[in-house]
Amino acid sequence: MFEVKQTEEMLNKTFRLPASLLEELARIAEHEKVSVNNLVRQCCEYALSNMKTEK
């Protein structure tokens, strides 16, 4: 059965990134059939989850 899931509140934030990085992100997003926004969000979540921190 189809279930509508609530999503976390989304906010807008502007970031400045090098053109070469944006081009690479766009290529990857197109290849994976996801939006650039979705790809950047997933990259950030992965980086934060795998970041080494001093304890």
PDB file of N, CA and C in Angstrom:
ATOM      1  N   MET A   1       0.845  -1.175   0.000  1.00  0.00           N
ATOM      2  CA  MET A   1       0.000   0.000   0.000  1.00  0.00           C
ATOM      3  C   MET A   1       0.892   1.241   0.000  1.00  0.00           C
ATOM      4  N   PHE A   2       0.506   2.237  -0.777  1.00  0.00           N
ATOM      5  CA  PHE A   2       1.245   3.497  -0.838  1.00  0.00           C
ATOM      6  C   PHE A   2       1.087   4.248   0.470  1.00  0.00           C
ATOM      7  N   GLU A   3       2.203   4.732   0.993  1.00  0.00           N
ATOM      8  CA  GLU A   3       2.184   5.492   2.242  1.00  0.00           C
ATOM      9  C   GLU A   3       2.905   6.814   2.027  1.00  0.00           C
ATOM     10  N   VAL A   4       2.241   7.910   2.334  1.00  0.00           N
ATOM     11  CA  VAL A   4       2.854   9.230   2.226  1.00  0.00           C
ATOM     12  C   VAL A   4       3.691   9.462   3.470  1.00  0.00           C
ATOM     13  N   LYS A   5       4.979   9.733   3.266  1.00  0.00           N
ATOM     14  CA  LYS A   5       5.882   9.945   4.397  1.00  0.00           C
ATOM     15  C   LYS A   5       6.167  11.428   4.571  1.00  0.00           C
ATOM     16  N   GLN A   6       6.214  11.858   5.803  1.00  0.00           N
ATOM     17  CA  GLN A   6       6.566  13.236   6.115  1.00  0.00           C
ATOM     18  C   GLN A   6       8.073  13.401   5.956  1.00  0.00           C
ATOM     19  N   THR A   7       8.477  14.506   5.400  1.00  0.00           N
ATOM     20  CA  THR A   7       9.905  14.764   5.248  1.00  0.00           C
ATOM     21  C   THR A   7      10.334  15.829   6.247  1.00  0.00           C
ATOM     22  N   GLU A   8      11.608  15.820   6.515  1.00  0.00           N
ATOM     23  CA  GLU A   8      12.176  16.820   7.408  1.00  0.00           C
ATOM     24  C   GLU A   8      12.027  18.199   6.761  1.00  0.00           C
ATOM     25  N   GLU A   9      11.841  19.215   7.573  1.00  0.00           N
ATOM     26  CA  GLU A   9      11.732  20.577   7.057  1.00  0.00           C
ATOM     27  C   GLU A   9      12.991  20.929   6.280  1.00  0.00           C
ATOM     28  N   MET A  10      12.819  21.504   5.111  1.00  0.00           N
ATOM     29  CA  MET A  10      13.944  21.910   4.273  1.00  0.00           C
ATOM     30  C   MET A  10      14.088  23.429   4.329  1.00  0.00           C
ATOM     31  N   LEU A  11      15.320  23.895   4.391  1.00  0.00           N
ATOM     32  CA  LEU A  11      15.625  25.318   4.397  1.00  0.00           C
ATOM     33  C   LEU A  11      16.538  25.635   3.228  1.00  0.00           C
ATOM     34  N   ASN A  12      16.524  26.880   2.786  1.00  0.00           N
ATOM     35  CA  ASN A  12      17.404  27.318   1.707  1.00  0.00           C
ATOM     36  C   ASN A  12      18.663  27.936   2.273  1.00  0.00           C
ATOM     37  N   LYS A  13      19.794  27.660   1.633  1.00  0.00           N
ATOM     38  CA  LYS A  13      21.079  28.257   1.997  1.00  0.00           C
ATOM     39  C   LYS A  13      21.894  28.352   0.716  1.00  0.00           C
ATOM     40  N   THR A  14      22.561  29.468   0.515  1.00  0.00           N
ATOM     41  CA  THR A  14      23.371  29.660  -0.681  1.00  0.00           C
ATOM     42  C   THR A  14      24.826  29.369  -0.375  1.00  0.00           C
ATOM     43  N   PHE A  15      25.463  28.574  -1.239  1.00  0.00           N
ATOM     44  CA  PHE A  15      26.886  28.267  -1.123  1.00  0.00           C
ATOM     45  C   PHE A  15      27.570  28.616  -2.428  1.00  0.00           C
ATOM     46  N   ARG A  16      28.801  29.085  -2.333  1.00  0.00           N
ATOM     47  CA  ARG A  16      29.596  29.363  -3.521  1.00  0.00           C
ATOM     48  C   ARG A  16      30.592  28.223  -3.678  1.00  0.00           C
ATOM     49  N   LEU A  17      30.555  27.572  -4.841  1.00  0.00           N
ATOM     50  CA  LEU A  17      31.434  26.447  -5.118  1.00  0.00           C
ATOM     51  C   LEU A  17      32.170  26.696  -6.425  1.00  0.00           C
ATOM     52  N   PRO A  18      33.378  26.156  -6.575  1.00  0.00           N
ATOM     53  CA  PRO A  18      34.113  26.316  -7.827  1.00  0.00           C
ATOM     54  C   PRO A  18      33.313  25.732  -8.997  1.00  0.00           C
ATOM     55  N   ALA A  19      33.422  26.376 -10.155  1.00  0.00           N
ATOM     56  CA  ALA A  19      32.692  25.931 -11.343  1.00  0.00           C
ATOM     57  C   ALA A  19      33.015  24.483 -11.680  1.00  0.00           C
ATOM     58  N   SER A  20      34.278  24.095 -11.536  1.00  0.00           N
ATOM     59  CA  SER A  20      34.665  22.721 -11.874  1.00  0.00           C
ATOM     60  C   SER A  20      33.961  21.706 -10.966  1.00  0.00           C
ATOM     61  N   LEU A  21      33.782  22.042  -9.700  1.00  0.00           N
ATOM     62  CA  LEU A  21      33.090  21.147  -8.771  1.00  0.00           C
ATOM     63  C   LEU A  21      31.609  21.050  -9.135  1.00  0.00           C
ATOM     64  N   LEU A  22      30.997  22.182  -9.453  1.00  0.00           N
ATOM     65  CA  LEU A  22      29.588  22.173  -9.844  1.00  0.00           C
ATOM     66  C   LEU A  22      29.368  21.364 -11.114  1.00  0.00           C
ATOM     67  N   GLU A  23      30.298  21.481 -12.065  1.00  0.00           N
ATOM     68  CA  GLU A  23      30.193  20.708 -13.304  1.00  0.00           C
ATOM     69  C   GLU A  23      30.283  19.214 -13.015  1.00  0.00           C
ATOM     70  N   GLU A  24      31.206  18.825 -12.138  1.00  0.00           N
ATOM     71  CA  GLU A  24      31.350  17.413 -11.789  1.00  0.00           C
ATOM     72  C   GLU A  24      30.106  16.896 -11.065  1.00  0.00           C
ATOM     73  N   LEU A  25      29.583  17.695 -10.138  1.00  0.00           N
ATOM     74  CA  LEU A  25      28.360  17.305  -9.434  1.00  0.00           C
ATOM     75  C   LEU A  25      27.195  17.141 -10.414  1.00  0.00           C
ATOM     76  N   ALA A  26      27.088  18.038 -11.371  1.00  0.00           N
ATOM     77  CA  ALA A  26      26.011  17.961 -12.361  1.00  0.00           C
ATOM     78  C   ALA A  26      26.141  16.700 -13.211  1.00  0.00           C
ATOM     79  N   ARG A  27      27.371  16.356 -13.604  1.00  0.00           N
ATOM     80  CA  ARG A  27      27.595  15.139 -14.401  1.00  0.00           C
ATOM     81  C   ARG A  27      27.199  13.892 -13.607  1.00  0.00           C
ATOM     82  N   ILE A  28      27.625  13.845 -12.355  1.00  0.00           N
ATOM     83  CA  ILE A  28      27.315  12.686 -11.509  1.00  0.00           C
ATOM     84  C   ILE A  28      25.807  12.585 -11.279  1.00  0.00           C
ATOM     85  N   ALA A  29      25.175  13.715 -10.973  1.00  0.00           N
ATOM     86  CA  ALA A  29      23.731  13.723 -10.722  1.00  0.00           C
ATOM     87  C   ALA A  29      22.967  13.229 -11.949  1.00  0.00           C
ATOM     88  N   GLU A  30      23.367  13.687 -13.114  1.00  0.00           N
ATOM     89  CA  GLU A  30      22.700  13.251 -14.344  1.00  0.00           C
ATOM     90  C   GLU A  30      22.887  11.747 -14.551  1.00  0.00           C
ATOM     91  N   HIS A  31      24.098  11.270 -14.342  1.00  0.00           N
ATOM     92  CA  HIS A  31      24.387   9.837 -14.511  1.00  0.00           C
ATOM     93  C   HIS A  31      23.576   8.988 -13.537  1.00  0.00           C
ATOM     94  N   GLU A  32      23.418   9.467 -12.306  1.00  0.00           N
ATOM     95  CA  GLU A  32      22.696   8.723 -11.267  1.00  0.00           C
ATOM     96  C   GLU A  32      21.194   9.001 -11.274  1.00  0.00           C
ATOM     97  N   LYS A  33      20.768   9.900 -12.157  1.00  0.00           N
ATOM     98  CA  LYS A  33      19.348  10.269 -12.288  1.00  0.00           C
ATOM     99  C   LYS A  33      18.763  10.815 -10.981  1.00  0.00           C
ATOM    100  N   VAL A  34      19.505  11.725 -10.369  1.00  0.00           N
ATOM    101  CA  VAL A  34      19.039  12.446  -9.184  1.00  0.00           C
ATOM    102  C   VAL A  34      19.290  13.929  -9.420  1.00  0.00           C
ATOM    103  N   SER A  35      18.680  14.771  -8.615  1.00  0.00           N
ATOM    104  CA  SER A  35      18.930  16.207  -8.737  1.00  0.00           C
ATOM    105  C   SER A  35      20.289  16.542  -8.125  1.00  0.00           C
ATOM    106  N   VAL A  36      20.858  17.654  -8.558  1.00  0.00           N
ATOM    107  CA  VAL A  36      22.123  18.104  -7.975  1.00  0.00           C
ATOM    108  C   VAL A  36      21.917  18.371  -6.488  1.00  0.00           C
ATOM    109  N   ASN A  37      20.778  18.950  -6.132  1.00  0.00           N
ATOM    110  CA  ASN A  37      20.482  19.216  -4.726  1.00  0.00           C
ATOM    111  C   ASN A  37      20.498  17.924  -3.908  1.00  0.00           C
ATOM    112  N   ASN A  38      19.846  16.897  -4.425  1.00  0.00           N
ATOM    113  CA  ASN A  38      19.802  15.609  -3.734  1.00  0.00           C
ATOM    114  C   ASN A  38      21.212  15.038  -3.584  1.00  0.00           C
ATOM    115  N   LEU A  39      22.019  15.117  -4.629  1.00  0.00           N
ATOM    116  CA  LEU A  39      23.391  14.613  -4.577  1.00  0.00           C
ATOM    117  C   LEU A  39      24.220  15.368  -3.543  1.00  0.00           C
ATOM    118  N   VAL A  40      24.135  16.687  -3.538  1.00  0.00           N
ATOM    119  CA  VAL A  40      24.902  17.494  -2.582  1.00  0.00           C
ATOM    120  C   VAL A  40      24.470  17.174  -1.154  1.00  0.00           C
ATOM    121  N   ARG A  41      23.168  17.021  -0.927  1.00  0.00           N
ATOM    122  CA  ARG A  41      22.670  16.664   0.404  1.00  0.00           C
ATOM    123  C   ARG A  41      23.234  15.328   0.853  1.00  0.00           C
ATOM    124  N   GLN A  42      23.211  14.345  -0.040  1.00  0.00           N
ATOM    125  CA  GLN A  42      23.738  13.023   0.303  1.00  0.00           C
ATOM    126  C   GLN A  42      25.244  13.071   0.559  1.00  0.00           C
ATOM    127  N   CYS A  43      25.971  13.848  -0.239  1.00  0.00           N
ATOM    128  CA  CYS A  43      27.416  13.991  -0.030  1.00  0.00           C
ATOM    129  C   CYS A  43      27.703  14.610   1.341  1.00  0.00           C
ATOM    130  N   CYS A  44      26.956  15.640   1.701  1.00  0.00           N
ATOM    131  CA  CYS A  44      27.151  16.294   3.000  1.00  0.00           C
ATOM    132  C   CYS A  44      26.822  15.344   4.144  1.00  0.00           C
ATOM    133  N   GLU A  45      25.713  14.617   4.025  1.00  0.00           N
ATOM    134  CA  GLU A  45      25.339  13.665   5.073  1.00  0.00           C
ATOM    135  C   GLU A  45      26.407  12.587   5.233  1.00  0.00           C
ATOM    136  N   TYR A  46      26.925  12.083   4.118  1.00  0.00           N
ATOM    137  CA  TYR A  46      27.969  11.054   4.168  1.00  0.00           C
ATOM    138  C   TYR A  46      29.230  11.608   4.823  1.00  0.00           C
ATOM    139  N   ALA A  47      29.640  12.811   4.406  1.00  0.00           N
ATOM    140  CA  ALA A  47      30.858  13.417   4.954  1.00  0.00           C
ATOM    141  C   ALA A  47      30.734  13.629   6.462  1.00  0.00           C
ATOM    142  N   LEU A  48      29.599  14.122   6.918  1.00  0.00           N
ATOM    143  CA  LEU A  48      29.401  14.356   8.351  1.00  0.00           C
ATOM    144  C   LEU A  48      29.363  13.045   9.136  1.00  0.00           C
ATOM    145  N   SER A  49      28.759  12.018   8.562  1.00  0.00           N
ATOM    146  CA  SER A  49      28.679  10.721   9.239  1.00  0.00           C
ATOM    147  C   SER A  49      30.034  10.037   9.336  1.00  0.00           C
ATOM    148  N   ASN A  50      30.933  10.356   8.406  1.00  0.00           N
ATOM    149  CA  ASN A  50      32.229   9.681   8.350  1.00  0.00           C
ATOM    150  C   ASN A  50      33.394  10.585   8.735  1.00  0.00           C
ATOM    151  N   MET A  51      33.083  11.751   9.273  1.00  0.00           N
ATOM    152  CA  MET A  51      34.114  12.705   9.649  1.00  0.00           C
ATOM    153  C   MET A  51      34.795  12.267  10.938  1.00  0.00           C
ATOM    154  N   LYS A  52      36.109  12.321  10.927  1.00  0.00           N
ATOM    155  CA  LYS A  52      36.856  12.012  12.143  1.00  0.00           C
ATOM    156  C   LYS A  52      36.855  13.247  13.023  1.00  0.00           C
ATOM    157  N   THR A  53      36.512  13.052  14.275  1.00  0.00           N
ATOM    158  CA  THR A  53      36.493  14.168  15.217  1.00  0.00           C
ATOM    159  C   THR A  53      37.400  13.840  16.392  1.00  0.00           C
ATOM    160  N   GLU A  54      37.973  14.873  16.967  1.00  0.00           N
ATOM    161  CA  GLU A  54      38.805  14.688  18.153  1.00  0.00           C
ATOM    162  C   GLU A  54      37.899  14.513  19.354  1.00  0.00           C
ATOM    163  N   LYS A  55      38.236  13.553  20.189  1.00  0.00           N
ATOM    164  CA  LYS A  55      37.401  13.292  21.370  1.00  0.00           C
ATOM    165  C   LYS A  55      38.073  13.744  22.625  1.00  0.00           C
TER     166      LYS A  55
END
